[in-house]
Amino acid sequence: MGDVASMLPYAKAMFELLVTNNWSFFDQGVHNYIVHKKVVPNIILHDNYSSSVFTGGCEPLADYRWNDHNEIIRADGQPYPILHQCDRYPESKRRYTARLAEKLAAGAPEASAATLSPAR
């Protein structure tokens, strides 16, 4: 995540590695390579419990933090704006999809049909 000027070197490196190596199905691996090999300077890694993105697939379900509204929350108690791989555990999928269904029923603009179907 970042502004356009900061993200362009990352996007260029990602594109070049994917295209020149025909790695179109290995985007996560290429991302990890770029980040951990410091191909792009000034990348900042954030921990999973205080950033804007929660990647649930790399955390045990017991470490998920929930508030009373069935939202997964950061260490500071605020809900994450972005959830990734939180469909890996049936219980977490049930809880967050129930929350999204409530928002849809209430007509909340931030709840769309796309948010109910995890990307694969």
PDB file of N, CA and C in Angstrom:
ATOM      1  N   MET A   1       0.842  -1.163   0.000  1.00  0.00           N
ATOM      2  CA  MET A   1       0.000   0.000   0.000  1.00  0.00           C
ATOM      3  C   MET A   1       0.894   1.234   0.000  1.00  0.00           C
ATOM      4  N   GLY A   2       0.469   2.218  -0.731  1.00  0.00           N
ATOM      5  CA  GLY A   2       1.246   3.442  -0.782  1.00  0.00           C
ATOM      6  C   GLY A   2       0.691   4.367  -1.845  1.00  0.00           C
ATOM      7  N   ASP A   3       1.326   5.522  -1.974  1.00  0.00           N
ATOM      8  CA  ASP A   3       0.878   6.452  -2.996  1.00  0.00           C
ATOM      9  C   ASP A   3       1.396   5.989  -4.364  1.00  0.00           C
ATOM     10  N   VAL A   4       0.928   6.618  -5.412  1.00  0.00           N
ATOM     11  CA  VAL A   4       1.253   6.194  -6.771  1.00  0.00           C
ATOM     12  C   VAL A   4       2.757   6.210  -7.013  1.00  0.00           C
ATOM     13  N   ALA A   5       3.410   7.293  -6.641  1.00  0.00           N
ATOM     14  CA  ALA A   5       4.850   7.408  -6.891  1.00  0.00           C
ATOM     15  C   ALA A   5       5.635   6.312  -6.162  1.00  0.00           C
ATOM     16  N   SER A   6       5.192   5.933  -4.984  1.00  0.00           N
ATOM     17  CA  SER A   6       5.871   4.889  -4.217  1.00  0.00           C
ATOM     18  C   SER A   6       5.599   3.498  -4.777  1.00  0.00           C
ATOM     19  N   MET A   7       4.420   3.304  -5.343  1.00  0.00           N
ATOM     20  CA  MET A   7       4.027   1.980  -5.824  1.00  0.00           C
ATOM     21  C   MET A   7       4.522   1.674  -7.242  1.00  0.00           C
ATOM     22  N   LEU A   8       4.849   2.694  -8.023  1.00  0.00           N
ATOM     23  CA  LEU A   8       5.279   2.444  -9.401  1.00  0.00           C
ATOM     24  C   LEU A   8       6.525   1.562  -9.502  1.00  0.00           C
ATOM     25  N   PRO A   9       7.572   1.774  -8.704  1.00  0.00           N
ATOM     26  CA  PRO A   9       8.728   0.871  -8.800  1.00  0.00           C
ATOM     27  C   PRO A   9       8.368  -0.577  -8.444  1.00  0.00           C
ATOM     28  N   TYR A  10       7.479  -0.750  -7.471  1.00  0.00           N
ATOM     29  CA  TYR A  10       7.027  -2.093  -7.105  1.00  0.00           C
ATOM     30  C   TYR A  10       6.259  -2.719  -8.274  1.00  0.00           C
ATOM     31  N   ALA A  11       5.315  -1.982  -8.857  1.00  0.00           N
ATOM     32  CA  ALA A  11       4.519  -2.501  -9.968  1.00  0.00           C
ATOM     33  C   ALA A  11       5.416  -2.839 -11.163  1.00  0.00           C
ATOM     34  N   LYS A  12       6.413  -2.003 -11.422  1.00  0.00           N
ATOM     35  CA  LYS A  12       7.344  -2.253 -12.537  1.00  0.00           C
ATOM     36  C   LYS A  12       8.140  -3.529 -12.282  1.00  0.00           C
ATOM     37  N   ALA A  13       8.648  -3.692 -11.070  1.00  0.00           N
ATOM     38  CA  ALA A  13       9.419  -4.899 -10.738  1.00  0.00           C
ATOM     39  C   ALA A  13       8.529  -6.141 -10.825  1.00  0.00           C
ATOM     40  N   MET A  14       7.321  -6.046 -10.316  1.00  0.00           N
ATOM     41  CA  MET A  14       6.390  -7.174 -10.365  1.00  0.00           C
ATOM     42  C   MET A  14       6.100  -7.552 -11.809  1.00  0.00           C
ATOM     43  N   PHE A  15       5.774  -6.568 -12.627  1.00  0.00           N
ATOM     44  CA  PHE A  15       5.469  -6.809 -14.038  1.00  0.00           C
ATOM     45  C   PHE A  15       6.658  -7.453 -14.747  1.00  0.00           C
ATOM     46  N   GLU A  16       7.841  -6.876 -14.565  1.00  0.00           N
ATOM     47  CA  GLU A  16       9.017  -7.395 -15.265  1.00  0.00           C
ATOM     48  C   GLU A  16       9.332  -8.827 -14.861  1.00  0.00           C
ATOM     49  N   LEU A  17       9.249  -9.134 -13.574  1.00  0.00           N
ATOM     50  CA  LEU A  17       9.534 -10.498 -13.129  1.00  0.00           C
ATOM     51  C   LEU A  17       8.478 -11.486 -13.613  1.00  0.00           C
ATOM     52  N   LEU A  18       7.225 -11.088 -13.569  1.00  0.00           N
ATOM     53  CA  LEU A  18       6.161 -11.988 -14.027  1.00  0.00           C
ATOM     54  C   LEU A  18       6.250 -12.254 -15.528  1.00  0.00           C
ATOM     55  N   VAL A  19       6.443 -11.187 -16.304  1.00  0.00           N
ATOM     56  CA  VAL A  19       6.429 -11.319 -17.759  1.00  0.00           C
ATOM     57  C   VAL A  19       7.711 -11.962 -18.283  1.00  0.00           C
ATOM     58  N   THR A  20       8.859 -11.499 -17.838  1.00  0.00           N
ATOM     59  CA  THR A  20      10.117 -12.024 -18.388  1.00  0.00           C
ATOM     60  C   THR A  20      10.353 -13.474 -17.990  1.00  0.00           C
ATOM     61  N   ASN A  21       9.762 -13.914 -16.902  1.00  0.00           N
ATOM     62  CA  ASN A  21       9.945 -15.296 -16.459  1.00  0.00           C
ATOM     63  C   ASN A  21       8.720 -16.174 -16.696  1.00  0.00           C
ATOM     64  N   ASN A  22       7.671 -15.591 -17.296  1.00  0.00           N
ATOM     65  CA  ASN A  22       6.417 -16.305 -17.528  1.00  0.00           C
ATOM     66  C   ASN A  22       5.887 -16.924 -16.221  1.00  0.00           C
ATOM     67  N   TRP A  23       5.898 -16.129 -15.158  1.00  0.00           N
ATOM     68  CA  TRP A  23       5.465 -16.593 -13.838  1.00  0.00           C
ATOM     69  C   TRP A  23       4.066 -16.084 -13.505  1.00  0.00           C
ATOM     70  N   SER A  24       3.183 -16.039 -14.471  1.00  0.00           N
ATOM     71  CA  SER A  24       1.877 -15.412 -14.264  1.00  0.00           C
ATOM     72  C   SER A  24       1.069 -16.029 -13.129  1.00  0.00           C
ATOM     73  N   PHE A  25       1.362 -17.267 -12.753  1.00  0.00           N
ATOM     74  CA  PHE A  25       0.599 -17.903 -11.677  1.00  0.00           C
ATOM     75  C   PHE A  25       1.333 -17.866 -10.341  1.00  0.00           C
ATOM     76  N   PHE A  26       2.450 -17.156 -10.260  1.00  0.00           N
ATOM     77  CA  PHE A  26       3.257 -17.134  -9.055  1.00  0.00           C
ATOM     78  C   PHE A  26       3.369 -15.737  -8.460  1.00  0.00           C
ATOM     79  N   ASP A  27       2.283 -14.970  -8.510  1.00  0.00           N
ATOM     80  CA  ASP A  27       2.349 -13.575  -8.075  1.00  0.00           C
ATOM     81  C   ASP A  27       2.713 -13.453  -6.599  1.00  0.00           C
ATOM     82  N   GLN A  28       2.237 -14.343  -5.734  1.00  0.00           N
ATOM     83  CA  GLN A  28       2.585 -14.248  -4.307  1.00  0.00           C
ATOM     84  C   GLN A  28       4.075 -14.482  -4.102  1.00  0.00           C
ATOM     85  N   GLY A  29       4.619 -15.453  -4.806  1.00  0.00           N
ATOM     86  CA  GLY A  29       6.053 -15.720  -4.701  1.00  0.00           C
ATOM     87  C   GLY A  29       6.891 -14.564  -5.209  1.00  0.00           C
ATOM     88  N   VAL A  30       6.469 -13.961  -6.310  1.00  0.00           N
ATOM     89  CA  VAL A  30       7.190 -12.804  -6.857  1.00  0.00           C
ATOM     90  C   VAL A  30       7.106 -11.631  -5.886  1.00  0.00           C
ATOM     91  N   HIS A  31       5.922 -11.416  -5.319  1.00  0.00           N
ATOM     92  CA  HIS A  31       5.771 -10.365  -4.302  1.00  0.00           C
ATOM     93  C   HIS A  31       6.749 -10.604  -3.149  1.00  0.00           C
ATOM     94  N   ASN A  32       6.776 -11.834  -2.631  1.00  0.00           N
ATOM     95  CA  ASN A  32       7.678 -12.150  -1.517  1.00  0.00           C
ATOM     96  C   ASN A  32       9.135 -11.932  -1.897  1.00  0.00           C
ATOM     97  N   TYR A  33       9.493 -12.319  -3.116  1.00  0.00           N
ATOM     98  CA  TYR A  33      10.856 -12.118  -3.596  1.00  0.00           C
ATOM     99  C   TYR A  33      11.207 -10.627  -3.607  1.00  0.00           C
ATOM    100  N   ILE A  34      10.327  -9.812  -4.179  1.00  0.00           N
ATOM    101  CA  ILE A  34      10.569  -8.368  -4.266  1.00  0.00           C
ATOM    102  C   ILE A  34      10.743  -7.761  -2.880  1.00  0.00           C
ATOM    103  N   VAL A  35       9.884  -8.147  -1.959  1.00  0.00           N
ATOM    104  CA  VAL A  35       9.915  -7.567  -0.612  1.00  0.00           C
ATOM    105  C   VAL A  35      11.126  -8.043   0.178  1.00  0.00           C
ATOM    106  N   HIS A  36      11.325  -9.353   0.240  1.00  0.00           N
ATOM    107  CA  HIS A  36      12.368  -9.895   1.119  1.00  0.00           C
ATOM    108  C   HIS A  36      13.777  -9.775   0.552  1.00  0.00           C
ATOM    109  N   LYS A  37      13.900  -9.681  -0.765  1.00  0.00           N
ATOM    110  CA  LYS A  37      15.214  -9.453  -1.380  1.00  0.00           C
ATOM    111  C   LYS A  37      15.489  -7.968  -1.572  1.00  0.00           C
ATOM    112  N   LYS A  38      14.536  -7.134  -1.146  1.00  0.00           N
ATOM    113  CA  LYS A  38      14.679  -5.676  -1.236  1.00  0.00           C
ATOM    114  C   LYS A  38      14.987  -5.211  -2.654  1.00  0.00           C
ATOM    115  N   VAL A  39      14.274  -5.805  -3.626  1.00  0.00           N
ATOM    116  CA  VAL A  39      14.412  -5.418  -5.022  1.00  0.00           C
ATOM    117  C   VAL A  39      14.007  -3.962  -5.195  1.00  0.00           C
ATOM    118  N   VAL A  40      12.998  -3.540  -4.445  1.00  0.00           N
ATOM    119  CA  VAL A  40      12.526  -2.159  -4.466  1.00  0.00           C
ATOM    120  C   VAL A  40      12.926  -1.526  -3.136  1.00  0.00           C
ATOM    121  N   PRO A  41      13.591  -0.381  -3.164  1.00  0.00           N
ATOM    122  CA  PRO A  41      14.011   0.257  -1.913  1.00  0.00           C
ATOM    123  C   PRO A  41      12.830   0.851  -1.136  1.00  0.00           C
ATOM    124  N   ASN A  42      13.051   1.047   0.126  1.00  0.00           N
ATOM    125  CA  ASN A  42      12.118   1.749   1.016  1.00  0.00           C
ATOM    126  C   ASN A  42      10.796   1.034   1.259  1.00  0.00           C
ATOM    127  N   ILE A  43      10.757  -0.280   1.070  1.00  0.00           N
ATOM    128  CA  ILE A  43       9.548  -1.030   1.414  1.00  0.00           C
ATOM    129  C   ILE A  43       9.520  -1.200   2.925  1.00  0.00           C
ATOM    130  N   ILE A  44       8.381  -0.959   3.492  1.00  0.00           N
ATOM    131  CA  ILE A  44       8.204  -1.101   4.942  1.00  0.00           C
ATOM    132  C   ILE A  44       7.279  -2.290   5.189  1.00  0.00           C
ATOM    133  N   LEU A  45       7.757  -3.252   5.978  1.00  0.00           N
ATOM    134  CA  LEU A  45       6.926  -4.387   6.367  1.00  0.00           C
ATOM    135  C   LEU A  45       6.215  -4.054   7.676  1.00  0.00           C
ATOM    136  N   HIS A  46       4.936  -4.292   7.704  1.00  0.00           N
ATOM    137  CA  HIS A  46       4.140  -4.039   8.901  1.00  0.00           C
ATOM    138  C   HIS A  46       3.750  -5.372   9.520  1.00  0.00           C
ATOM    139  N   ASP A  47       3.674  -5.414  10.847  1.00  0.00           N
ATOM    140  CA  ASP A  47       3.236  -6.652  11.467  1.00  0.00           C
ATOM    141  C   ASP A  47       1.740  -6.840  11.213  1.00  0.00           C
ATOM    142  N   ASN A  48       1.287  -8.054  11.374  1.00  0.00           N
ATOM    143  CA  ASN A  48      -0.084  -8.413  11.027  1.00  0.00           C
ATOM    144  C   ASN A  48      -1.117  -7.902  12.032  1.00  0.00           C
ATOM    145  N   TYR A  49      -0.685  -7.408  13.159  1.00  0.00           N
ATOM    146  CA  TYR A  49      -1.645  -7.037  14.204  1.00  0.00           C
ATOM    147  C   TYR A  49      -1.849  -5.536  14.362  1.00  0.00           C
ATOM    148  N   SER A  50      -1.102  -4.736  13.608  1.00  0.00           N
ATOM    149  CA  SER A  50      -1.304  -3.290  13.713  1.00  0.00           C
ATOM    150  C   SER A  50      -1.425  -2.609  12.353  1.00  0.00           C
ATOM    151  N   SER A  51      -1.295  -3.356  11.287  1.00  0.00           N
ATOM    152  CA  SER A  51      -1.351  -2.747   9.958  1.00  0.00           C
ATOM    153  C   SER A  51      -2.791  -2.550   9.508  1.00  0.00           C
ATOM    154  N   SER A  52      -2.968  -2.073   8.299  1.00  0.00           N
ATOM    155  CA  SER A  52      -4.301  -1.879   7.732  1.00  0.00           C
ATOM    156  C   SER A  52      -4.846  -3.157   7.104  1.00  0.00           C
ATOM    157  N   VAL A  53      -3.973  -4.143   6.917  1.00  0.00           N
ATOM    158  CA  VAL A  53      -4.364  -5.407   6.293  1.00  0.00           C
ATOM    159  C   VAL A  53      -4.113  -6.540   7.279  1.00  0.00           C
ATOM    160  N   PHE A  54      -5.110  -7.381   7.466  1.00  0.00           N
ATOM    161  CA  PHE A  54      -4.944  -8.582   8.282  1.00  0.00           C
ATOM    162  C   PHE A  54      -4.953  -9.785   7.360  1.00  0.00           C
ATOM    163  N   THR A  55      -3.855 -10.538   7.346  1.00  0.00           N
ATOM    164  CA  THR A  55      -3.763 -11.755   6.551  1.00  0.00           C
ATOM    165  C   THR A  55      -4.031 -12.925   7.491  1.00  0.00           C
ATOM    166  N   GLY A  56      -5.262 -13.393   7.470  1.00  0.00           N
ATOM    167  CA  GLY A  56      -5.695 -14.424   8.404  1.00  0.00           C
ATOM    168  C   GLY A  56      -5.130 -15.794   8.127  1.00  0.00           C
ATOM    169  N   GLY A  57      -4.748 -16.062   6.877  1.00  0.00           N
ATOM    170  CA  GLY A  57      -4.258 -17.388   6.529  1.00  0.00           C
ATOM    171  C   GLY A  57      -2.952 -17.763   7.194  1.00  0.00           C
ATOM    172  N   CYS A  58      -2.207 -16.791   7.684  1.00  0.00           N
ATOM    173  CA  CYS A  58      -0.923 -17.099   8.323  1.00  0.00           C
ATOM    174  C   CYS A  58      -1.003 -17.014   9.842  1.00  0.00           C
ATOM    175  N   GLU A  59      -2.206 -16.889  10.376  1.00  0.00           N
ATOM    176  CA  GLU A  59      -2.391 -16.785  11.823  1.00  0.00           C
ATOM    177  C   GLU A  59      -3.316 -17.896  12.316  1.00  0.00           C
ATOM    178  N   PRO A  60      -3.029 -18.459  13.489  1.00  0.00           N
ATOM    179  CA  PRO A  60      -3.973 -19.429  14.049  1.00  0.00           C
ATOM    180  C   PRO A  60      -5.287 -18.729  14.411  1.00  0.00           C
ATOM    181  N   LEU A  61      -6.383 -19.425  14.246  1.00  0.00           N
ATOM    182  CA  LEU A  61      -7.690 -18.845  14.549  1.00  0.00           C
ATOM    183  C   LEU A  61      -7.746 -18.319  15.984  1.00  0.00           C
ATOM    184  N   ALA A  62      -7.081 -18.975  16.886  1.00  0.00           N
ATOM    185  CA  ALA A  62      -7.086 -18.546  18.290  1.00  0.00           C
ATOM    186  C   ALA A  62      -6.476 -17.161  18.474  1.00  0.00           C
ATOM    187  N   ASP A  63      -5.649 -16.714  17.517  1.00  0.00           N
ATOM    188  CA  ASP A  63      -5.020 -15.391  17.616  1.00  0.00           C
ATOM    189  C   ASP A  63      -5.844 -14.277  16.982  1.00  0.00           C
ATOM    190  N   TYR A  64      -6.944 -14.623  16.296  1.00  0.00           N
ATOM    191  CA  TYR A  64      -7.825 -13.585  15.762  1.00  0.00           C
ATOM    192  C   TYR A  64      -8.442 -12.848  16.941  1.00  0.00           C
ATOM    193  N   ARG A  65      -8.556 -11.540  16.816  1.00  0.00           N
ATOM    194  CA  ARG A  65      -9.238 -10.733  17.840  1.00  0.00           C
ATOM    195  C   ARG A  65     -10.550 -10.243  17.236  1.00  0.00           C
ATOM    196  N   TRP A  66     -11.632 -10.384  17.980  1.00  0.00           N
ATOM    197  CA  TRP A  66     -12.963  -9.993  17.509  1.00  0.00           C
ATOM    198  C   TRP A  66     -13.562  -8.966  18.448  1.00  0.00           C
ATOM    199  N   ASN A  67     -14.352  -8.055  17.905  1.00  0.00           N
ATOM    200  CA  ASN A  67     -15.122  -7.156  18.767  1.00  0.00           C
ATOM    201  C   ASN A  67     -16.550  -7.674  18.859  1.00  0.00           C
ATOM    202  N   ASP A  68     -17.412  -6.946  19.528  1.00  0.00           N
ATOM    203  CA  ASP A  68     -18.795  -7.369  19.723  1.00  0.00           C
ATOM    204  C   ASP A  68     -19.632  -7.308  18.454  1.00  0.00           C
ATOM    205  N   HIS A  69     -19.068  -6.750  17.379  1.00  0.00           N
ATOM    206  CA  HIS A  69     -19.791  -6.621  16.107  1.00  0.00           C
ATOM    207  C   HIS A  69     -19.326  -7.650  15.079  1.00  0.00           C
ATOM    208  N   ASN A  70     -18.628  -8.695  15.537  1.00  0.00           N
ATOM    209  CA  ASN A  70     -18.074  -9.725  14.649  1.00  0.00           C
ATOM    210  C   ASN A  70     -17.106  -9.146  13.628  1.00  0.00           C
ATOM    211  N   GLU A  71     -16.351  -8.143  14.026  1.00  0.00           N
ATOM    212  CA  GLU A  71     -15.307  -7.581  13.181  1.00  0.00           C
ATOM    213  C   GLU A  71     -13.957  -8.017  13.741  1.00  0.00           C
ATOM    214  N   ILE A  72     -13.050  -8.390  12.856  1.00  0.00           N
ATOM    215  CA  ILE A  72     -11.692  -8.726  13.275  1.00  0.00           C
ATOM    216  C   ILE A  72     -10.975  -7.405  13.533  1.00  0.00           C
ATOM    217  N   ILE A  73     -10.346  -7.312  14.698  1.00  0.00           N
ATOM    218  CA  ILE A  73      -9.770  -6.027  15.113  1.00  0.00           C
ATOM    219  C   ILE A  73      -8.257  -6.117  15.314  1.00  0.00           C
ATOM    220  N   ARG A  74      -7.626  -4.944  15.180  1.00  0.00           N
ATOM    221  CA  ARG A  74      -6.181  -4.801  15.398  1.00  0.00           C
ATOM    222  C   ARG A  74      -5.883  -4.747  16.890  1.00  0.00           C
ATOM    223  N   ALA A  75      -4.611  -4.698  17.210  1.00  0.00           N
ATOM    224  CA  ALA A  75      -4.178  -4.614  18.604  1.00  0.00           C
ATOM    225  C   ALA A  75      -4.729  -3.366  19.292  1.00  0.00           C
ATOM    226  N   ASP A  76      -4.981  -2.295  18.509  1.00  0.00           N
ATOM    227  CA  ASP A  76      -5.497  -1.057  19.106  1.00  0.00           C
ATOM    228  C   ASP A  76      -7.021  -1.067  19.246  1.00  0.00           C
ATOM    229  N   GLY A  77      -7.672  -2.188  18.882  1.00  0.00           N
ATOM    230  CA  GLY A  77      -9.112  -2.312  19.031  1.00  0.00           C
ATOM    231  C   GLY A  77      -9.923  -1.854  17.834  1.00  0.00           C
ATOM    232  N   GLN A  78      -9.267  -1.297  16.814  1.00  0.00           N
ATOM    233  CA  GLN A  78      -9.963  -0.818  15.618  1.00  0.00           C
ATOM    234  C   GLN A  78     -10.126  -1.957  14.615  1.00  0.00           C
ATOM    235  N   PRO A  79     -11.256  -2.014  13.898  1.00  0.00           N
ATOM    236  CA  PRO A  79     -11.416  -3.041  12.867  1.00  0.00           C
ATOM    237  C   PRO A  79     -10.427  -2.837  11.722  1.00  0.00           C
ATOM    238  N   TYR A  80      -9.969  -3.932  11.159  1.00  0.00           N
ATOM    239  CA  TYR A  80      -9.110  -3.848   9.983  1.00  0.00           C
ATOM    240  C   TYR A  80      -9.922  -3.355   8.794  1.00  0.00           C
ATOM    241  N   PRO A  81      -9.384  -2.425   8.001  1.00  0.00           N
ATOM    242  CA  PRO A  81     -10.078  -2.011   6.784  1.00  0.00           C
ATOM    243  C   PRO A  81     -10.051  -3.098   5.708  1.00  0.00           C
ATOM    244  N   ILE A  82      -8.995  -3.932   5.723  1.00  0.00           N
ATOM    245  CA  ILE A  82      -8.820  -4.949   4.683  1.00  0.00           C
ATOM    246  C   ILE A  82      -8.543  -6.298   5.336  1.00  0.00           C
ATOM    247  N   LEU A  83      -9.329  -7.310   4.945  1.00  0.00           N
ATOM    248  CA  LEU A  83      -9.118  -8.680   5.407  1.00  0.00           C
ATOM    249  C   LEU A  83      -8.672  -9.520   4.220  1.00  0.00           C
ATOM    250  N   HIS A  84      -7.689 -10.392   4.462  1.00  0.00           N
ATOM    251  CA  HIS A  84      -7.164 -11.260   3.408  1.00  0.00           C
ATOM    252  C   HIS A  84      -7.053 -12.669   3.982  1.00  0.00           C
ATOM    253  N   GLN A  85      -7.530 -13.660   3.251  1.00  0.00           N
ATOM    254  CA  GLN A  85      -7.457 -15.071   3.623  1.00  0.00           C
ATOM    255  C   GLN A  85      -8.181 -15.400   4.927  1.00  0.00           C
ATOM    256  N   CYS A  86      -9.189 -14.644   5.260  1.00  0.00           N
ATOM    257  CA  CYS A  86      -9.922 -14.912   6.504  1.00  0.00           C
ATOM    258  C   CYS A  86     -11.008 -15.957   6.306  1.00  0.00           C
ATOM    259  N   ASP A  87     -11.046 -16.551   5.136  1.00  0.00           N
ATOM    260  CA  ASP A  87     -11.989 -17.634   4.875  1.00  0.00           C
ATOM    261  C   ASP A  87     -11.350 -19.001   5.103  1.00  0.00           C
ATOM    262  N   ARG A  88     -10.140 -19.042   5.626  1.00  0.00           N
ATOM    263  CA  ARG A  88      -9.418 -20.311   5.796  1.00  0.00           C
ATOM    264  C   ARG A  88      -9.989 -21.170   6.925  1.00  0.00           C
ATOM    265  N   TYR A  89     -10.628 -20.536   7.883  1.00  0.00           N
ATOM    266  CA  TYR A  89     -11.234 -21.257   9.001  1.00  0.00           C
ATOM    267  C   TYR A  89     -12.750 -21.106   8.904  1.00  0.00           C
ATOM    268  N   PRO A  90     -13.497 -22.216   8.956  1.00  0.00           N
ATOM    269  CA  PRO A  90     -14.957 -22.109   8.851  1.00  0.00           C
ATOM    270  C   PRO A  90     -15.572 -21.147   9.873  1.00  0.00           C
ATOM    271  N   GLU A  91     -15.065 -21.127  11.104  1.00  0.00           N
ATOM    272  CA  GLU A  91     -15.634 -20.254  12.129  1.00  0.00           C
ATOM    273  C   GLU A  91     -15.425 -18.782  11.794  1.00  0.00           C
ATOM    274  N   SER A  92     -14.240 -18.421  11.332  1.00  0.00           N
ATOM    275  CA  SER A  92     -14.019 -17.006  10.986  1.00  0.00           C
ATOM    276  C   SER A  92     -14.836 -16.624   9.760  1.00  0.00           C
ATOM    277  N   LYS A  93     -14.923 -17.521   8.787  1.00  0.00           N
ATOM    278  CA  LYS A  93     -15.726 -17.235   7.597  1.00  0.00           C
ATOM    279  C   LYS A  93     -17.185 -17.024   7.991  1.00  0.00           C
ATOM    280  N   ARG A  94     -17.699 -17.866   8.867  1.00  0.00           N
ATOM    281  CA  ARG A  94     -19.082 -17.733   9.310  1.00  0.00           C
ATOM    282  C   ARG A  94     -19.310 -16.393  10.001  1.00  0.00           C
ATOM    283  N   ARG A  95     -18.377 -16.009  10.874  1.00  0.00           N
ATOM    284  CA  ARG A  95     -18.547 -14.766  11.629  1.00  0.00           C
ATOM    285  C   ARG A  95     -18.481 -13.529  10.743  1.00  0.00           C
ATOM    286  N   TYR A  96     -17.477 -13.457   9.872  1.00  0.00           N
ATOM    287  CA  TYR A  96     -17.372 -12.215   9.096  1.00  0.00           C
ATOM    288  C   TYR A  96     -18.404 -12.157   7.983  1.00  0.00           C
ATOM    289  N   THR A  97     -18.808 -13.301   7.419  1.00  0.00           N
ATOM    290  CA  THR A  97     -19.863 -13.222   6.414  1.00  0.00           C
ATOM    291  C   THR A  97     -21.212 -12.888   7.055  1.00  0.00           C
ATOM    292  N   ALA A  98     -21.421 -13.323   8.299  1.00  0.00           N
ATOM    293  CA  ALA A  98     -22.647 -12.930   9.012  1.00  0.00           C
ATOM    294  C   ALA A  98     -22.665 -11.417   9.207  1.00  0.00           C
ATOM    295  N   ARG A  99     -21.529 -10.838   9.550  1.00  0.00           N
ATOM    296  CA  ARG A  99     -21.433  -9.390   9.732  1.00  0.00           C
ATOM    297  C   ARG A  99     -21.704  -8.659   8.419  1.00  0.00           C
ATOM    298  N   LEU A 100     -21.130  -9.147   7.332  1.00  0.00           N
ATOM    299  CA  LEU A 100     -21.365  -8.511   6.040  1.00  0.00           C
ATOM    300  C   LEU A 100     -22.821  -8.644   5.609  1.00  0.00           C
ATOM    301  N   ALA A 101     -23.418  -9.785   5.890  1.00  0.00           N
ATOM    302  CA  ALA A 101     -24.833  -9.964   5.550  1.00  0.00           C
ATOM    303  C   ALA A 101     -25.701  -8.973   6.325  1.00  0.00           C
ATOM    304  N   GLU A 102     -25.352  -8.726   7.595  1.00  0.00           N
ATOM    305  CA  GLU A 102     -26.083  -7.724   8.390  1.00  0.00           C
ATOM    306  C   GLU A 102     -25.959  -6.349   7.751  1.00  0.00           C
ATOM    307  N   LYS A 103     -24.763  -6.002   7.310  1.00  0.00           N
ATOM    308  CA  LYS A 103     -24.541  -4.699   6.678  1.00  0.00           C
ATOM    309  C   LYS A 103     -25.309  -4.592   5.366  1.00  0.00           C
ATOM    310  N   LEU A 104     -25.320  -5.665   4.595  1.00  0.00           N
ATOM    311  CA  LEU A 104     -26.081  -5.651   3.338  1.00  0.00           C
ATOM    312  C   LEU A 104     -27.562  -5.455   3.621  1.00  0.00           C
ATOM    313  N   ALA A 105     -28.067  -6.180   4.606  1.00  0.00           N
ATOM    314  CA  ALA A 105     -29.490  -6.077   4.943  1.00  0.00           C
ATOM    315  C   ALA A 105     -29.844  -4.665   5.399  1.00  0.00           C
ATOM    316  N   ALA A 106     -28.887  -3.997   6.040  1.00  0.00           N
ATOM    317  CA  ALA A 106     -29.116  -2.640   6.522  1.00  0.00           C
ATOM    318  C   ALA A 106     -28.875  -1.603   5.427  1.00  0.00           C
ATOM    319  N   GLY A 107     -28.407  -2.054   4.263  1.00  0.00           N
ATOM    320  CA  GLY A 107     -28.163  -1.127   3.152  1.00  0.00           C
ATOM    321  C   GLY A 107     -26.863  -0.364   3.266  1.00  0.00           C
ATOM    322  N   ALA A 108     -25.895  -0.877   4.013  1.00  0.00           N
ATOM    323  CA  ALA A 108     -24.616  -0.192   4.177  1.00  0.00           C
ATOM    324  C   ALA A 108     -23.869  -0.148   2.843  1.00  0.00           C
ATOM    325  N   PRO A 109     -23.415   1.031   2.415  1.00  0.00           N
ATOM    326  CA  PRO A 109     -22.754   1.148   1.107  1.00  0.00           C
ATOM    327  C   PRO A 109     -21.426   0.414   1.037  1.00  0.00           C
ATOM    328  N   GLU A 110     -20.745   0.215   2.172  1.00  0.00           N
ATOM    329  CA  GLU A 110     -19.434  -0.438   2.131  1.00  0.00           C
ATOM    330  C   GLU A 110     -19.542  -1.950   2.006  1.00  0.00           C
ATOM    331  N   ALA A 111     -20.740  -2.502   2.124  1.00  0.00           N
ATOM    332  CA  ALA A 111     -20.940  -3.945   1.992  1.00  0.00           C
ATOM    333  C   ALA A 111     -21.510  -4.233   0.611  1.00  0.00           C
ATOM    334  N   SER A 112     -20.706  -4.857  -0.227  1.00  0.00           N
ATOM    335  CA  SER A 112     -21.176  -5.195  -1.575  1.00  0.00           C
ATOM    336  C   SER A 112     -21.168  -6.703  -1.740  1.00  0.00           C
ATOM    337  N   ALA A 113     -21.804  -7.175  -2.758  1.00  0.00           N
ATOM    338  CA  ALA A 113     -21.831  -8.620  -3.031  1.00  0.00           C
ATOM    339  C   ALA A 113     -20.413  -9.150  -3.225  1.00  0.00           C
ATOM    340  N   ALA A 114     -19.536  -8.336  -3.777  1.00  0.00           N
ATOM    341  CA  ALA A 114     -18.160  -8.787  -4.003  1.00  0.00           C
ATOM    342  C   ALA A 114     -17.442  -9.079  -2.695  1.00  0.00           C
ATOM    343  N   THR A 115     -17.760  -8.346  -1.636  1.00  0.00           N
ATOM    344  CA  THR A 115     -17.071  -8.574  -0.373  1.00  0.00           C
ATOM    345  C   THR A 115     -17.510  -9.870   0.285  1.00  0.00           C
ATOM    346  N   LEU A 116     -18.641 -10.426  -0.129  1.00  0.00           N
ATOM    347  CA  LEU A 116     -19.103 -11.687   0.438  1.00  0.00           C
ATOM    348  C   LEU A 116     -18.444 -12.896  -0.223  1.00  0.00           C
ATOM    349  N   SER A 117     -17.808 -12.708  -1.358  1.00  0.00           N
ATOM    350  CA  SER A 117     -17.178 -13.811  -2.075  1.00  0.00           C
ATOM    351  C   SER A 117     -15.674 -13.606  -2.085  1.00  0.00           C
ATOM    352  N   PRO A 118     -14.936 -14.342  -1.221  1.00  0.00           N
ATOM    353  CA  PRO A 118     -13.485 -14.169  -1.186  1.00  0.00           C
ATOM    354  C   PRO A 118     -12.844 -14.448  -2.532  1.00  0.00           C
ATOM    355  N   ALA A 119     -11.905 -13.626  -2.912  1.00  0.00           N
ATOM    356  CA  ALA A 119     -11.189 -13.808  -4.182  1.00  0.00           C
ATOM    357  C   ALA A 119     -10.285 -15.030  -4.087  1.00  0.00           C
ATOM    358  N   ARG A 120     -10.138 -15.700  -5.155  1.00  0.00           N
ATOM    359  CA  ARG A 120      -9.269 -16.882  -5.194  1.00  0.00           C
ATOM    360  C   ARG A 120      -8.221 -16.704  -6.266  1.00  0.00           C
TER     361      ARG A 120
END
